[in-house]
């Protein structure tokens, strides 16, 4: 997953600025975080899984909008 996030970061259209591996003592597991910035707001660190879910949700929304015009 880390490699996938790094590849996305290299895309000039991606909101991903940096990638890091973190460990949660609470969840007792390692996970990938990405620093994102969509517009002029301060960059924020979020789990990579959250970014993927946001993008999937956006694609689904666009599909529904497209279907409503047909």
N, C-alpha and C. Protein backbone atom coordinates (compact mmCIF):
# COMPACT_ATOMS: atom_id res chain seq x y z
N UNK A 1 0.83 -1.20 0.00
CA UNK A 1 0.00 0.00 0.00
C UNK A 1 0.88 1.26 0.00
N UNK A 2 2.01 1.19 0.67
CA UNK A 2 2.92 2.33 0.72
C UNK A 2 3.41 2.69 -0.68
N UNK A 3 3.74 1.67 -1.48
CA UNK A 3 4.22 1.91 -2.84
C UNK A 3 3.13 2.55 -3.70
N UNK A 4 1.90 2.10 -3.52
CA UNK A 4 0.77 2.68 -4.27
C UNK A 4 0.58 4.15 -3.90
N UNK A 5 0.70 4.46 -2.64
CA UNK A 5 0.57 5.85 -2.19
C UNK A 5 1.70 6.71 -2.74
N UNK A 6 2.90 6.15 -2.79
CA UNK A 6 4.05 6.89 -3.34
C UNK A 6 3.83 7.18 -4.82
N UNK A 7 3.30 6.21 -5.56
CA UNK A 7 3.01 6.40 -6.98
C UNK A 7 1.99 7.50 -7.16
N UNK A 8 0.96 7.51 -6.34
CA UNK A 8 -0.07 8.54 -6.44
C UNK A 8 0.50 9.92 -6.12
N UNK A 9 1.42 9.98 -5.18
CA UNK A 9 2.01 11.26 -4.81
C UNK A 9 2.76 11.87 -6.00
N UNK A 10 3.34 11.05 -6.86
CA UNK A 10 4.09 11.54 -8.01
C UNK A 10 3.21 12.05 -9.14
N UNK A 11 1.91 11.81 -9.07
CA UNK A 11 0.97 12.31 -10.06
C UNK A 11 0.76 13.81 -9.80
N UNK A 12 1.01 14.67 -10.79
CA UNK A 12 0.88 16.13 -10.55
C UNK A 12 -0.55 16.58 -10.25
N UNK A 13 -1.55 15.79 -10.59
CA UNK A 13 -2.94 16.15 -10.32
C UNK A 13 -3.44 15.62 -8.98
N UNK A 14 -2.61 14.89 -8.29
CA UNK A 14 -3.00 14.29 -7.01
C UNK A 14 -2.88 15.30 -5.87
N UNK A 15 -3.81 15.24 -4.90
CA UNK A 15 -3.71 16.12 -3.73
C UNK A 15 -2.68 15.64 -2.70
N UNK A 16 -2.06 14.48 -2.93
CA UNK A 16 -1.10 13.90 -1.99
C UNK A 16 0.23 14.64 -2.07
N UNK A 17 0.68 15.15 -0.92
CA UNK A 17 1.94 15.88 -0.85
C UNK A 17 3.08 15.03 -0.30
N UNK A 18 2.79 14.21 0.71
CA UNK A 18 3.80 13.35 1.33
C UNK A 18 3.15 12.05 1.79
N UNK A 19 3.97 11.03 1.98
CA UNK A 19 3.51 9.72 2.43
C UNK A 19 4.39 9.28 3.58
N UNK A 20 3.78 8.63 4.58
CA UNK A 20 4.57 8.08 5.68
C UNK A 20 3.91 6.82 6.22
N UNK A 21 4.71 5.98 6.82
CA UNK A 21 4.23 4.79 7.51
C UNK A 21 4.13 5.12 9.00
N UNK A 22 3.03 4.77 9.61
CA UNK A 22 2.84 5.00 11.04
C UNK A 22 2.42 3.72 11.72
N UNK A 23 2.60 3.70 13.03
CA UNK A 23 2.16 2.57 13.83
C UNK A 23 1.21 3.06 14.90
N UNK A 24 0.06 2.43 14.99
CA UNK A 24 -0.93 2.77 16.01
C UNK A 24 -0.80 1.79 17.17
N UNK A 25 -0.45 2.31 18.32
CA UNK A 25 -0.41 1.44 19.51
C UNK A 25 -1.82 1.02 19.90
N UNK A 26 -2.78 1.89 19.65
CA UNK A 26 -4.17 1.57 20.00
C UNK A 26 -4.69 0.42 19.14
N UNK A 27 -4.47 0.52 17.81
CA UNK A 27 -4.93 -0.53 16.89
C UNK A 27 -3.93 -1.67 16.76
N UNK A 28 -2.71 -1.47 17.24
CA UNK A 28 -1.63 -2.43 17.17
C UNK A 28 -1.37 -2.90 15.74
N UNK A 29 -1.25 -1.90 14.83
CA UNK A 29 -0.93 -2.23 13.45
C UNK A 29 -0.27 -1.04 12.76
N UNK A 30 0.43 -1.35 11.69
CA UNK A 30 1.10 -0.34 10.88
C UNK A 30 0.13 0.09 9.78
N UNK A 31 0.16 1.38 9.43
CA UNK A 31 -0.72 1.87 8.36
C UNK A 31 -0.04 3.01 7.64
N UNK A 32 -0.52 3.29 6.43
CA UNK A 32 0.04 4.34 5.60
C UNK A 32 -0.80 5.60 5.74
N UNK A 33 -0.13 6.72 5.95
CA UNK A 33 -0.80 8.02 6.00
C UNK A 33 -0.31 8.87 4.84
N UNK A 34 -1.19 9.73 4.34
CA UNK A 34 -0.82 10.65 3.28
C UNK A 34 -1.15 12.07 3.73
N UNK A 35 -0.31 13.00 3.34
CA UNK A 35 -0.59 14.40 3.61
C UNK A 35 -1.26 14.96 2.37
N UNK A 36 -2.47 15.48 2.53
CA UNK A 36 -3.24 15.97 1.40
C UNK A 36 -3.53 17.46 1.53
N UNK A 37 -3.66 18.09 0.38
CA UNK A 37 -4.06 19.49 0.32
C UNK A 37 -4.86 19.64 -0.98
N UNK A 38 -6.13 19.97 -0.85
CA UNK A 38 -7.01 20.03 -2.01
C UNK A 38 -7.07 21.43 -2.62
N UNK A 39 -6.99 22.45 -1.80
CA UNK A 39 -7.00 23.83 -2.31
C UNK A 39 -5.96 24.65 -1.56
N UNK A 40 -6.38 25.74 -0.92
CA UNK A 40 -5.44 26.62 -0.21
C UNK A 40 -5.41 26.38 1.29
N UNK A 41 -6.07 25.32 1.77
CA UNK A 41 -6.09 25.05 3.20
C UNK A 41 -4.76 24.46 3.65
N UNK A 42 -4.57 24.38 4.94
CA UNK A 42 -3.37 23.75 5.50
C UNK A 42 -3.39 22.26 5.15
N UNK A 43 -2.24 21.68 4.80
CA UNK A 43 -2.19 20.24 4.54
C UNK A 43 -2.55 19.45 5.79
N UNK A 44 -3.15 18.27 5.59
CA UNK A 44 -3.55 17.43 6.72
C UNK A 44 -3.14 15.98 6.46
N UNK A 45 -2.74 15.28 7.52
CA UNK A 45 -2.41 13.86 7.42
C UNK A 45 -3.68 13.04 7.63
N UNK A 46 -3.97 12.13 6.70
CA UNK A 46 -5.12 11.24 6.82
C UNK A 46 -4.68 9.83 6.43
N UNK A 47 -5.37 8.80 6.91
CA UNK A 47 -5.04 7.44 6.47
C UNK A 47 -5.26 7.30 4.96
N UNK A 48 -4.38 6.56 4.31
CA UNK A 48 -4.50 6.35 2.87
C UNK A 48 -5.82 5.68 2.52
N UNK A 49 -6.29 4.76 3.37
CA UNK A 49 -7.58 4.11 3.14
C UNK A 49 -8.72 5.13 3.09
N UNK A 50 -8.63 6.18 3.89
CA UNK A 50 -9.65 7.23 3.89
C UNK A 50 -9.63 7.98 2.57
N UNK A 51 -8.45 8.28 2.06
CA UNK A 51 -8.35 8.96 0.77
C UNK A 51 -8.95 8.09 -0.34
N UNK A 52 -8.66 6.80 -0.32
CA UNK A 52 -9.22 5.90 -1.33
C UNK A 52 -10.74 5.86 -1.25
N UNK A 53 -11.28 5.83 -0.03
CA UNK A 53 -12.74 5.83 0.14
C UNK A 53 -13.35 7.13 -0.36
N UNK A 54 -12.68 8.26 -0.12
CA UNK A 54 -13.18 9.54 -0.61
C UNK A 54 -13.23 9.55 -2.14
N UNK A 55 -12.19 9.02 -2.77
CA UNK A 55 -12.15 9.00 -4.23
C UNK A 55 -13.20 8.05 -4.80
N UNK A 56 -13.39 6.90 -4.18
CA UNK A 56 -14.43 5.97 -4.63
C UNK A 56 -15.80 6.61 -4.50
N UNK A 57 -16.02 7.34 -3.42
CA UNK A 57 -17.30 8.02 -3.21
C UNK A 57 -17.52 9.09 -4.29
N UNK A 58 -16.47 9.81 -4.65
CA UNK A 58 -16.56 10.84 -5.69
C UNK A 58 -16.90 10.22 -7.05
N UNK A 59 -16.27 9.09 -7.37
CA UNK A 59 -16.55 8.40 -8.63
C UNK A 59 -18.00 7.93 -8.67
N UNK A 60 -18.46 7.37 -7.56
CA UNK A 60 -19.85 6.90 -7.48
C UNK A 60 -20.82 8.06 -7.65
N UNK A 61 -20.54 9.19 -7.02
CA UNK A 61 -21.39 10.37 -7.15
C UNK A 61 -21.44 10.86 -8.59
N UNK A 62 -20.27 10.91 -9.24
CA UNK A 62 -20.23 11.35 -10.64
C UNK A 62 -21.00 10.40 -11.54
N UNK A 63 -20.93 9.10 -11.26
CA UNK A 63 -21.68 8.11 -12.03
C UNK A 63 -23.19 8.35 -11.89
N UNK A 64 -23.63 8.62 -10.67
CA UNK A 64 -25.06 8.85 -10.44
C UNK A 64 -25.53 10.12 -11.13
N UNK A 65 -24.71 11.17 -11.10
CA UNK A 65 -25.07 12.42 -11.77
C UNK A 65 -25.17 12.18 -13.28
N UNK A 66 -24.21 11.45 -13.82
CA UNK A 66 -24.21 11.16 -15.25
C UNK A 66 -25.46 10.36 -15.64
N UNK A 67 -25.83 9.39 -14.83
CA UNK A 67 -27.02 8.58 -15.10
C UNK A 67 -28.30 9.41 -15.03
N UNK A 68 -28.33 10.41 -14.17
CA UNK A 68 -29.54 11.22 -14.03
C UNK A 68 -29.78 12.09 -15.25
N UNK A 69 -28.71 12.38 -16.04
CA UNK A 69 -28.86 13.19 -17.25
C UNK A 69 -29.18 12.37 -18.47
N UNK A 70 -29.19 11.05 -18.34
CA UNK A 70 -29.47 10.20 -19.50
C UNK A 70 -30.90 9.77 -19.54
